[in-house]
C-alpha cells in the first residue's frame, strides 16, 4: 500500500487492486497508527494522544471502531 498526502486529504493506493482510497485527517491518523500489533483500544489511545486528548476518549474509541470496520470493508485490512 502507498500512503501519501494529497491536498487537504490523504490517499492510499492499493497497487494490487489499483484502487485509490481517499482518507480524511482522522482516518489518516488512524492508518498511520496501525501496526498489526496494537489492539483497537491501544489504537484509540494513540489517536486520542495525536489529537491532544480531545474529544473524549469514548468518542475516539467509537470512531476508531468505525474506521477499522471501514478499512476492512475496503479490503485495506484483513
C-alpha atoms as a PDB file:
ATOM      1  CA  UNK A   1       0.000   0.000   0.000  1.00  0.00           C
ATOM      2  CA  UNK A   2       1.161   3.513  -0.784  1.00  0.00           C
ATOM      3  CA  UNK A   3       0.060   6.176   1.720  1.00  0.00           C
ATOM      4  CA  UNK A   4       0.547   9.839   0.752  1.00  0.00           C
ATOM      5  CA  UNK A   5      -0.870  13.299   1.388  1.00  0.00           C
ATOM      6  CA  UNK A   6      -2.810  14.891  -1.451  1.00  0.00           C
ATOM      7  CA  UNK A   7      -4.006  18.467  -0.962  1.00  0.00           C
ATOM      8  CA  UNK A   8      -6.147  18.515   2.209  1.00  0.00           C
ATOM      9  CA  UNK A   9      -6.632  14.754   2.303  1.00  0.00           C
ATOM     10  CA  UNK A  10      -4.596  11.580   2.387  1.00  0.00           C
ATOM     11  CA  UNK A  11      -4.757   8.731  -0.092  1.00  0.00           C
ATOM     12  CA  UNK A  12      -3.932   5.057  -0.044  1.00  0.00           C
ATOM     13  CA  UNK A  13      -3.131   3.407  -3.342  1.00  0.00           C
ATOM     14  CA  UNK A  14      -3.584  -0.336  -3.410  1.00  0.00           C
ATOM     15  CA  UNK A  15      -1.170  -1.473  -6.144  1.00  0.00           C
ATOM     16  CA  UNK A  16      -2.823  -4.885  -6.439  1.00  0.00           C
ATOM     17  CA  UNK A  17      -6.394  -3.702  -6.998  1.00  0.00           C
ATOM     18  CA  UNK A  18      -5.266  -0.329  -8.399  1.00  0.00           C
ATOM     19  CA  UNK A  19      -7.851   1.337  -6.192  1.00  0.00           C
ATOM     20  CA  UNK A  20      -7.299   4.769  -4.715  1.00  0.00           C
ATOM     21  CA  UNK A  21      -8.800   5.336  -1.265  1.00  0.00           C
ATOM     22  CA  UNK A  22      -9.253   8.900  -0.019  1.00  0.00           C
ATOM     23  CA  UNK A  23      -8.987   9.434   3.741  1.00  0.00           C
ATOM     24  CA  UNK A  24      -9.897  12.383   5.892  1.00  0.00           C
ATOM     25  CA  UNK A  25      -7.456  13.502   8.564  1.00  0.00           C
ATOM     26  CA  UNK A  26      -8.945  11.315  11.305  1.00  0.00           C
ATOM     27  CA  UNK A  27      -8.752   8.194   9.149  1.00  0.00           C
ATOM     28  CA  UNK A  28      -5.205   9.108   8.107  1.00  0.00           C
ATOM     29  CA  UNK A  29      -4.102   9.436  11.744  1.00  0.00           C
ATOM     30  CA  UNK A  30      -5.626   6.029  12.465  1.00  0.00           C
ATOM     31  CA  UNK A  31      -3.980   4.468   9.393  1.00  0.00           C
ATOM     32  CA  UNK A  32      -0.576   5.754  10.491  1.00  0.00           C
ATOM     33  CA  UNK A  33      -1.003   4.128  13.901  1.00  0.00           C
ATOM     34  CA  UNK A  34      -1.965   0.663  12.632  1.00  0.00           C
ATOM     35  CA  UNK A  35       0.972  -1.688  13.018  1.00  0.00           C
ATOM     36  CA  UNK A  36      -0.674  -5.105  13.159  1.00  0.00           C
ATOM     37  CA  UNK A  37       0.204  -5.478  16.832  1.00  0.00           C
ATOM     38  CA  UNK A  38      -1.794  -2.880  18.754  1.00  0.00           C
ATOM     39  CA  UNK A  39      -5.335  -3.566  19.854  1.00  0.00           C
ATOM     40  CA  UNK A  40      -8.233  -1.290  18.897  1.00  0.00           C
ATOM     41  CA  UNK A  41      -8.075   0.145  22.434  1.00  0.00           C
ATOM     42  CA  UNK A  42      -4.372   0.946  22.035  1.00  0.00           C
ATOM     43  CA  UNK A  43      -5.051   2.488  18.623  1.00  0.00           C
ATOM     44  CA  UNK A  44      -7.793   4.654  20.122  1.00  0.00           C
ATOM     45  CA  UNK A  45      -5.414   5.885  22.806  1.00  0.00           C
ATOM     46  CA  UNK A  46      -2.752   6.687  20.184  1.00  0.00           C
ATOM     47  CA  UNK A  47      -5.260   8.613  18.057  1.00  0.00           C
ATOM     48  CA  UNK A  48      -6.542  10.392  21.161  1.00  0.00           C
ATOM     49  CA  UNK A  49      -2.970  11.381  22.050  1.00  0.00           C
ATOM     50  CA  UNK A  50      -2.420  12.645  18.485  1.00  0.00           C
ATOM     51  CA  UNK A  51      -5.422  14.928  18.948  1.00  0.00           C
ATOM     52  CA  UNK A  52      -4.029  16.138  22.276  1.00  0.00           C
ATOM     53  CA  UNK A  53      -6.702  14.227  24.165  1.00  0.00           C
ATOM     54  CA  UNK A  54      -9.720  15.950  22.695  1.00  0.00           C
ATOM     55  CA  UNK A  55     -12.512  14.973  22.095  1.00  0.00           C
ATOM     56  CA  UNK A  56     -13.364  12.490  24.825  1.00  0.00           C
ATOM     57  CA  UNK A  57     -11.667   9.097  24.665  1.00  0.00           C
ATOM     58  CA  UNK A  58     -15.044   7.301  24.408  1.00  0.00           C
ATOM     59  CA  UNK A  59     -15.844   9.200  21.207  1.00  0.00           C
ATOM     60  CA  UNK A  60     -12.415   8.394  19.775  1.00  0.00           C
ATOM     61  CA  UNK A  61     -12.893   4.695  20.617  1.00  0.00           C
ATOM     62  CA  UNK A  62     -16.167   4.687  18.680  1.00  0.00           C
ATOM     63  CA  UNK A  63     -14.563   6.465  15.714  1.00  0.00           C
ATOM     64  CA  UNK A  64     -11.638   4.024  15.687  1.00  0.00           C
ATOM     65  CA  UNK A  65     -14.069   1.090  15.626  1.00  0.00           C
ATOM     66  CA  UNK A  66     -15.907   2.630  12.673  1.00  0.00           C
ATOM     67  CA  UNK A  67     -12.604   3.427  10.947  1.00  0.00           C
ATOM     68  CA  UNK A  68     -11.237  -0.101  11.343  1.00  0.00           C
ATOM     69  CA  UNK A  69     -14.502  -1.550  10.038  1.00  0.00           C
ATOM     70  CA  UNK A  70     -14.301   0.804   7.045  1.00  0.00           C
ATOM     71  CA  UNK A  71     -10.707  -0.216   6.302  1.00  0.00           C
ATOM     72  CA  UNK A  72     -11.743  -3.880   6.419  1.00  0.00           C
ATOM     73  CA  UNK A  73     -14.754  -3.224   4.170  1.00  0.00           C
ATOM     74  CA  UNK A  74     -12.466  -1.534   1.644  1.00  0.00           C
ATOM     75  CA  UNK A  75     -10.086  -4.512   1.734  1.00  0.00           C
ATOM     76  CA  UNK A  76      -7.277  -2.499   3.315  1.00  0.00           C
ATOM     77  CA  UNK A  77      -7.147  -4.713   6.418  1.00  0.00           C
ATOM     78  CA  UNK A  78      -7.741  -8.405   6.835  1.00  0.00           C
END
